[in-house]
């Protein structure tokens, strides 16, 4: 067992500390608009591997990136009209878009689970956006062991993962209780891989409108 994580309140000071921990190669738990997540800086040597270890997650499952703004998305992935429409309708918010990864982005193979795609989300919460603005798009996965319930408050993160993280940013209970909805836009037609906070009917309505133009 490791040492207990440092828990700091979310806010300017807490986010500044979290940014320093990420830049130093640490793993940080943070609130989002859905559930709590754990994140590392994308360039951290062994960082993705450590996240898999903390979650006890098989490495054949890709990890999504949280972004600070839409501009970061275009640096990482090819953005289609359907992606633009879904982003306009639901970002910032609980929607993850799976898009073709750009070769020039140089994303770690393990992050993509050896696929040529990447999941991206612009969360409706200032904490992950501030961290992503400072250190770049954040590889982030839910702050729980694989197969276990999602964490919606910092106390749950402390109880389940507390001795394996470097910092926990405590933003209180999350606004949502379900993870993001995941839409794969690399297939034709697009497919909903996971229904979360946004129901499938709302996703299909936007996609149908795009198909009519």
C-alpha atoms as a PDB file:
ATOM      1  CA  UNK A   1       0.000   0.000   0.000  1.00  0.00           C
ATOM      2  CA  UNK A   2       1.221   3.521  -0.734  1.00  0.00           C
ATOM      3  CA  UNK A   3       0.893   6.735   1.198  1.00  0.00           C
ATOM      4  CA  UNK A   4      -2.516   8.455   1.382  1.00  0.00           C
ATOM      5  CA  UNK A   5      -3.141  11.064  -1.320  1.00  0.00           C
ATOM      6  CA  UNK A   6      -3.113  14.757  -0.565  1.00  0.00           C
ATOM      7  CA  UNK A   7      -6.679  16.136  -0.838  1.00  0.00           C
ATOM      8  CA  UNK A   8      -7.068  19.812  -1.730  1.00  0.00           C
ATOM      9  CA  UNK A   9     -10.202  21.882  -2.396  1.00  0.00           C
ATOM     10  CA  UNK A  10     -10.982  22.674  -6.020  1.00  0.00           C
ATOM     11  CA  UNK A  11     -10.320  26.303  -6.832  1.00  0.00           C
ATOM     12  CA  UNK A  12      -7.462  28.411  -8.183  1.00  0.00           C
ATOM     13  CA  UNK A  13      -4.955  27.264  -5.564  1.00  0.00           C
ATOM     14  CA  UNK A  14      -5.952  23.622  -5.775  1.00  0.00           C
ATOM     15  CA  UNK A  15      -5.841  23.633  -9.569  1.00  0.00           C
ATOM     16  CA  UNK A  16      -2.405  25.269  -9.519  1.00  0.00           C
ATOM     17  CA  UNK A  17      -1.171  22.490  -7.238  1.00  0.00           C
ATOM     18  CA  UNK A  18      -2.775  19.835  -9.455  1.00  0.00           C
ATOM     19  CA  UNK A  19      -1.045  21.333 -12.507  1.00  0.00           C
ATOM     20  CA  UNK A  20       2.314  21.123 -10.757  1.00  0.00           C
ATOM     21  CA  UNK A  21       1.672  17.482  -9.820  1.00  0.00           C
ATOM     22  CA  UNK A  22       0.710  16.635 -13.396  1.00  0.00           C
ATOM     23  CA  UNK A  23       3.793  18.395 -14.778  1.00  0.00           C
ATOM     24  CA  UNK A  24       5.903  16.393 -12.351  1.00  0.00           C
ATOM     25  CA  UNK A  25       4.448  13.145 -13.699  1.00  0.00           C
ATOM     26  CA  UNK A  26       1.860  12.464 -11.003  1.00  0.00           C
ATOM     27  CA  UNK A  27      -1.642  11.015 -11.189  1.00  0.00           C
ATOM     28  CA  UNK A  28      -4.425  13.397 -10.125  1.00  0.00           C
ATOM     29  CA  UNK A  29      -8.085  12.744  -9.343  1.00  0.00           C
ATOM     30  CA  UNK A  30     -10.397  15.562 -10.376  1.00  0.00           C
ATOM     31  CA  UNK A  31     -14.092  16.407 -10.551  1.00  0.00           C
ATOM     32  CA  UNK A  32     -15.892  16.651 -13.890  1.00  0.00           C
ATOM     33  CA  UNK A  33     -19.472  17.390 -14.867  1.00  0.00           C
ATOM     34  CA  UNK A  34     -20.266  13.650 -14.788  1.00  0.00           C
ATOM     35  CA  UNK A  35     -18.141  11.635 -12.342  1.00  0.00           C
ATOM     36  CA  UNK A  36     -14.667  11.942 -10.828  1.00  0.00           C
ATOM     37  CA  UNK A  37     -11.759  10.967 -13.041  1.00  0.00           C
ATOM     38  CA  UNK A  38      -8.045  10.270 -12.750  1.00  0.00           C
ATOM     39  CA  UNK A  39      -5.661  11.978 -15.129  1.00  0.00           C
ATOM     40  CA  UNK A  40      -2.005  12.242 -16.115  1.00  0.00           C
ATOM     41  CA  UNK A  41      -0.113  14.586 -18.413  1.00  0.00           C
ATOM     42  CA  UNK A  42      -0.028  13.002 -21.865  1.00  0.00           C
ATOM     43  CA  UNK A  43       3.770  13.110 -22.106  1.00  0.00           C
ATOM     44  CA  UNK A  44       4.443  11.475 -18.740  1.00  0.00           C
ATOM     45  CA  UNK A  45       6.712   8.434 -19.224  1.00  0.00           C
ATOM     46  CA  UNK A  46       4.761   5.430 -17.988  1.00  0.00           C
ATOM     47  CA  UNK A  47       1.780   7.611 -17.063  1.00  0.00           C
ATOM     48  CA  UNK A  48      -0.817   5.727 -19.102  1.00  0.00           C
ATOM     49  CA  UNK A  49       0.508   2.428 -17.761  1.00  0.00           C
ATOM     50  CA  UNK A  50       0.155   3.725 -14.211  1.00  0.00           C
ATOM     51  CA  UNK A  51      -3.472   4.699 -14.841  1.00  0.00           C
ATOM     52  CA  UNK A  52      -4.217   1.181 -16.077  1.00  0.00           C
ATOM     53  CA  UNK A  53      -2.555  -0.207 -12.963  1.00  0.00           C
ATOM     54  CA  UNK A  54      -4.518   2.061 -10.612  1.00  0.00           C
ATOM     55  CA  UNK A  55      -7.814   1.123 -12.268  1.00  0.00           C
ATOM     56  CA  UNK A  56      -6.872  -2.556 -12.677  1.00  0.00           C
ATOM     57  CA  UNK A  57      -8.026  -2.086 -16.256  1.00  0.00           C
ATOM     58  CA  UNK A  58      -7.013  -4.261 -19.231  1.00  0.00           C
ATOM     59  CA  UNK A  59      -4.761  -2.366 -21.672  1.00  0.00           C
ATOM     60  CA  UNK A  60      -6.946  -3.192 -24.671  1.00  0.00           C
ATOM     61  CA  UNK A  61      -9.404  -0.457 -23.656  1.00  0.00           C
ATOM     62  CA  UNK A  62      -8.623   3.026 -24.931  1.00  0.00           C
ATOM     63  CA  UNK A  63      -8.503   6.108 -22.692  1.00  0.00           C
ATOM     64  CA  UNK A  64     -10.209   9.351 -23.725  1.00  0.00           C
ATOM     65  CA  UNK A  65      -8.758  12.843 -23.590  1.00  0.00           C
ATOM     66  CA  UNK A  66     -10.381  15.788 -21.826  1.00  0.00           C
ATOM     67  CA  UNK A  67      -9.728  19.037 -23.693  1.00  0.00           C
ATOM     68  CA  UNK A  68      -9.722  22.683 -22.689  1.00  0.00           C
ATOM     69  CA  UNK A  69     -11.461  23.930 -25.834  1.00  0.00           C
ATOM     70  CA  UNK A  70     -12.436  22.979 -29.367  1.00  0.00           C
ATOM     71  CA  UNK A  71      -9.092  24.245 -30.708  1.00  0.00           C
ATOM     72  CA  UNK A  72      -7.298  21.387 -28.950  1.00  0.00           C
ATOM     73  CA  UNK A  73      -9.549  18.879 -30.727  1.00  0.00           C
ATOM     74  CA  UNK A  74      -8.453  19.958 -34.205  1.00  0.00           C
ATOM     75  CA  UNK A  75      -4.820  19.388 -33.219  1.00  0.00           C
ATOM     76  CA  UNK A  76      -5.523  15.765 -32.318  1.00  0.00           C
ATOM     77  CA  UNK A  77      -8.266  14.423 -34.576  1.00  0.00           C
ATOM     78  CA  UNK A  78     -10.028  14.837 -37.899  1.00  0.00           C
ATOM     79  CA  UNK A  79     -13.295  16.683 -37.299  1.00  0.00           C
ATOM     80  CA  UNK A  80     -16.234  15.846 -39.572  1.00  0.00           C
ATOM     81  CA  UNK A  81     -19.461  17.846 -40.057  1.00  0.00           C
ATOM     82  CA  UNK A  82     -21.241  15.335 -37.815  1.00  0.00           C
ATOM     83  CA  UNK A  83     -18.633  15.886 -35.098  1.00  0.00           C
ATOM     84  CA  UNK A  84     -18.967  19.650 -35.440  1.00  0.00           C
ATOM     85  CA  UNK A  85     -22.749  19.412 -35.089  1.00  0.00           C
ATOM     86  CA  UNK A  86     -22.644  17.158 -32.046  1.00  0.00           C
ATOM     87  CA  UNK A  87     -20.011  19.373 -30.420  1.00  0.00           C
ATOM     88  CA  UNK A  88     -22.125  22.458 -31.095  1.00  0.00           C
ATOM     89  CA  UNK A  89     -25.164  20.765 -29.548  1.00  0.00           C
ATOM     90  CA  UNK A  90     -23.619  19.149 -26.475  1.00  0.00           C
ATOM     91  CA  UNK A  91     -20.208  20.687 -25.686  1.00  0.00           C
ATOM     92  CA  UNK A  92     -19.185  21.581 -23.149  1.00  0.00           C
ATOM     93  CA  UNK A  93     -20.985  18.616 -21.669  1.00  0.00           C
ATOM     94  CA  UNK A  94     -21.205  14.863 -21.099  1.00  0.00           C
ATOM     95  CA  UNK A  95     -20.420  13.689 -24.633  1.00  0.00           C
ATOM     96  CA  UNK A  96     -17.310  11.809 -25.781  1.00  0.00           C
ATOM     97  CA  UNK A  97     -16.668  11.745 -29.522  1.00  0.00           C
ATOM     98  CA  UNK A  98     -14.539   8.994 -31.029  1.00  0.00           C
ATOM     99  CA  UNK A  99     -12.729  10.484 -34.017  1.00  0.00           C
ATOM    100  CA  UNK A 100      -9.901   9.498 -36.399  1.00  0.00           C
ATOM    101  CA  UNK A 101      -6.607  10.359 -34.711  1.00  0.00           C
ATOM    102  CA  UNK A 102      -4.172  12.526 -36.663  1.00  0.00           C
ATOM    103  CA  UNK A 103      -0.784  10.912 -37.245  1.00  0.00           C
ATOM    104  CA  UNK A 104       0.857  14.268 -36.584  1.00  0.00           C
ATOM    105  CA  UNK A 105      -0.559  14.298 -33.052  1.00  0.00           C
ATOM    106  CA  UNK A 106       1.837  11.514 -32.061  1.00  0.00           C
ATOM    107  CA  UNK A 107      -0.548  10.014 -29.508  1.00  0.00           C
ATOM    108  CA  UNK A 108       0.790   7.119 -27.411  1.00  0.00           C
ATOM    109  CA  UNK A 109      -0.242   3.748 -28.832  1.00  0.00           C
ATOM    110  CA  UNK A 110      -1.376   2.539 -25.405  1.00  0.00           C
ATOM    111  CA  UNK A 111      -3.671   5.547 -25.069  1.00  0.00           C
ATOM    112  CA  UNK A 112      -5.437   4.517 -28.276  1.00  0.00           C
ATOM    113  CA  UNK A 113      -5.359   0.779 -27.492  1.00  0.00           C
ATOM    114  CA  UNK A 114      -3.483   0.350 -30.798  1.00  0.00           C
ATOM    115  CA  UNK A 115      -6.368   1.863 -32.776  1.00  0.00           C
ATOM    116  CA  UNK A 116      -6.274   4.817 -35.173  1.00  0.00           C
ATOM    117  CA  UNK A 117      -9.026   6.557 -33.220  1.00  0.00           C
ATOM    118  CA  UNK A 118      -9.224   8.717 -30.111  1.00  0.00           C
ATOM    119  CA  UNK A 119     -12.045   9.675 -27.743  1.00  0.00           C
ATOM    120  CA  UNK A 120     -12.333  13.383 -26.943  1.00  0.00           C
ATOM    121  CA  UNK A 121     -14.536  15.340 -24.547  1.00  0.00           C
ATOM    122  CA  UNK A 122     -14.938  18.986 -23.601  1.00  0.00           C
ATOM    123  CA  UNK A 123     -16.372  18.779 -20.071  1.00  0.00           C
ATOM    124  CA  UNK A 124     -18.776  21.300 -18.580  1.00  0.00           C
ATOM    125  CA  UNK A 125     -16.577  21.831 -15.523  1.00  0.00           C
ATOM    126  CA  UNK A 126     -13.857  24.452 -15.055  1.00  0.00           C
ATOM    127  CA  UNK A 127     -11.378  22.171 -13.246  1.00  0.00           C
ATOM    128  CA  UNK A 128     -10.516  19.733 -16.048  1.00  0.00           C
ATOM    129  CA  UNK A 129     -10.606  22.540 -18.614  1.00  0.00           C
ATOM    130  CA  UNK A 130      -8.127  24.585 -16.555  1.00  0.00           C
ATOM    131  CA  UNK A 131      -5.797  21.610 -16.172  1.00  0.00           C
ATOM    132  CA  UNK A 132      -6.006  20.735 -19.875  1.00  0.00           C
ATOM    133  CA  UNK A 133      -5.318  24.363 -20.809  1.00  0.00           C
ATOM    134  CA  UNK A 134      -2.153  24.306 -18.705  1.00  0.00           C
ATOM    135  CA  UNK A 135      -0.668  20.887 -19.531  1.00  0.00           C
ATOM    136  CA  UNK A 136      -2.456  19.882 -22.742  1.00  0.00           C
ATOM    137  CA  UNK A 137      -5.259  17.396 -23.424  1.00  0.00           C
ATOM    138  CA  UNK A 138      -5.586  15.101 -20.415  1.00  0.00           C
ATOM    139  CA  UNK A 139      -5.761  11.308 -20.652  1.00  0.00           C
ATOM    140  CA  UNK A 140      -8.585  10.704 -18.184  1.00  0.00           C
ATOM    141  CA  UNK A 141     -10.565   7.708 -17.020  1.00  0.00           C
ATOM    142  CA  UNK A 142     -13.142   7.325 -14.266  1.00  0.00           C
ATOM    143  CA  UNK A 143     -11.777   7.289 -10.716  1.00  0.00           C
ATOM    144  CA  UNK A 144     -12.769   3.743  -9.788  1.00  0.00           C
ATOM    145  CA  UNK A 145     -11.560   0.183 -10.173  1.00  0.00           C
ATOM    146  CA  UNK A 146     -12.686  -1.401 -13.424  1.00  0.00           C
ATOM    147  CA  UNK A 147     -16.167  -2.848 -13.048  1.00  0.00           C
ATOM    148  CA  UNK A 148     -16.896  -0.934  -9.843  1.00  0.00           C
ATOM    149  CA  UNK A 149     -19.370   1.968  -9.425  1.00  0.00           C
ATOM    150  CA  UNK A 150     -18.273   5.418 -10.555  1.00  0.00           C
ATOM    151  CA  UNK A 151     -17.167   7.912  -7.902  1.00  0.00           C
ATOM    152  CA  UNK A 152     -19.295  11.048  -7.596  1.00  0.00           C
ATOM    153  CA  UNK A 153     -17.452  12.639  -4.654  1.00  0.00           C
ATOM    154  CA  UNK A 154     -13.889  12.932  -3.390  1.00  0.00           C
ATOM    155  CA  UNK A 155     -14.539  10.801  -0.305  1.00  0.00           C
ATOM    156  CA  UNK A 156     -15.330   7.811  -2.515  1.00  0.00           C
ATOM    157  CA  UNK A 157     -12.107   8.375  -4.472  1.00  0.00           C
ATOM    158  CA  UNK A 158     -10.134   8.495  -1.212  1.00  0.00           C
ATOM    159  CA  UNK A 159     -11.762   5.282  -0.004  1.00  0.00           C
ATOM    160  CA  UNK A 160     -11.143   3.327  -3.202  1.00  0.00           C
ATOM    161  CA  UNK A 161      -7.964   4.739  -4.761  1.00  0.00           C
ATOM    162  CA  UNK A 162      -6.604   7.104  -2.143  1.00  0.00           C
ATOM    163  CA  UNK A 163      -3.263   5.440  -1.523  1.00  0.00           C
ATOM    164  CA  UNK A 164      -2.414   5.144  -5.235  1.00  0.00           C
ATOM    165  CA  UNK A 165      -2.880   8.763  -6.326  1.00  0.00           C
ATOM    166  CA  UNK A 166      -0.649  11.790  -5.877  1.00  0.00           C
ATOM    167  CA  UNK A 167      -3.383  14.383  -5.445  1.00  0.00           C
ATOM    168  CA  UNK A 168      -7.171  14.500  -5.192  1.00  0.00           C
ATOM    169  CA  UNK A 169      -8.908  17.716  -6.199  1.00  0.00           C
ATOM    170  CA  UNK A 170     -12.073  17.911  -4.104  1.00  0.00           C
ATOM    171  CA  UNK A 171     -14.851  19.715  -5.952  1.00  0.00           C
ATOM    172  CA  UNK A 172     -17.693  18.311  -3.858  1.00  0.00           C
ATOM    173  CA  UNK A 173     -20.374  16.029  -5.321  1.00  0.00           C
ATOM    174  CA  UNK A 174     -20.504  15.999  -9.111  1.00  0.00           C
ATOM    175  CA  UNK A 175     -23.511  17.402 -10.936  1.00  0.00           C
ATOM    176  CA  UNK A 176     -24.028  14.159 -12.836  1.00  0.00           C
ATOM    177  CA  UNK A 177     -24.119  10.587 -11.630  1.00  0.00           C
ATOM    178  CA  UNK A 178     -23.560   8.824 -14.949  1.00  0.00           C
ATOM    179  CA  UNK A 179     -20.564   8.879 -17.296  1.00  0.00           C
ATOM    180  CA  UNK A 180     -20.550  10.615 -20.646  1.00  0.00           C
ATOM    181  CA  UNK A 181     -22.362   9.264 -23.682  1.00  0.00           C
ATOM    182  CA  UNK A 182     -19.839   7.909 -26.208  1.00  0.00           C
ATOM    183  CA  UNK A 183     -20.444   8.247 -29.958  1.00  0.00           C
ATOM    184  CA  UNK A 184     -18.142   6.644 -32.521  1.00  0.00           C
ATOM    185  CA  UNK A 185     -17.974   8.846 -35.608  1.00  0.00           C
ATOM    186  CA  UNK A 186     -15.430   6.635 -37.375  1.00  0.00           C
ATOM    187  CA  UNK A 187     -18.170   4.217 -38.437  1.00  0.00           C
ATOM    188  CA  UNK A 188     -20.831   4.664 -41.123  1.00  0.00           C
ATOM    189  CA  UNK A 189     -23.403   5.230 -39.814  1.00  0.00           C
ATOM    190  CA  UNK A 190     -22.088   6.603 -36.489  1.00  0.00           C
ATOM    191  CA  UNK A 191     -22.663   4.296 -33.528  1.00  0.00           C
ATOM    192  CA  UNK A 192     -23.506   5.028 -29.900  1.00  0.00           C
ATOM    193  CA  UNK A 193     -21.033   2.950 -27.895  1.00  0.00           C
ATOM    194  CA  UNK A 194     -22.313   3.947 -24.449  1.00  0.00           C
ATOM    195  CA  UNK A 195     -25.446   5.750 -23.344  1.00  0.00           C
ATOM    196  CA  UNK A 196     -24.692   8.026 -20.408  1.00  0.00           C
ATOM    197  CA  UNK A 197     -25.998  11.447 -19.399  1.00  0.00           C
ATOM    198  CA  UNK A 198     -27.255  12.195 -22.937  1.00  0.00           C
ATOM    199  CA  UNK A 199     -29.869   9.776 -24.254  1.00  0.00           C
ATOM    200  CA  UNK A 200     -29.506   8.196 -27.683  1.00  0.00           C
ATOM    201  CA  UNK A 201     -32.597   9.892 -29.128  1.00  0.00           C
ATOM    202  CA  UNK A 202     -31.001  13.337 -28.712  1.00  0.00           C
ATOM    203  CA  UNK A 203     -27.814  12.120 -30.399  1.00  0.00           C
ATOM    204  CA  UNK A 204     -29.759  10.610 -33.303  1.00  0.00           C
ATOM    205  CA  UNK A 205     -31.770  13.800 -33.798  1.00  0.00           C
ATOM    206  CA  UNK A 206     -28.581  15.811 -34.362  1.00  0.00           C
ATOM    207  CA  UNK A 207     -27.079  13.170 -36.649  1.00  0.00           C
ATOM    208  CA  UNK A 208     -30.279  12.941 -38.670  1.00  0.00           C
ATOM    209  CA  UNK A 209     -30.259  16.709 -39.164  1.00  0.00           C
ATOM    210  CA  UNK A 210     -26.687  16.551 -40.463  1.00  0.00           C
ATOM    211  CA  UNK A 211     -27.614  13.769 -42.905  1.00  0.00           C
ATOM    212  CA  UNK A 212     -30.351  15.950 -44.420  1.00  0.00           C
ATOM    213  CA  UNK A 213     -27.861  18.641 -45.475  1.00  0.00           C
END
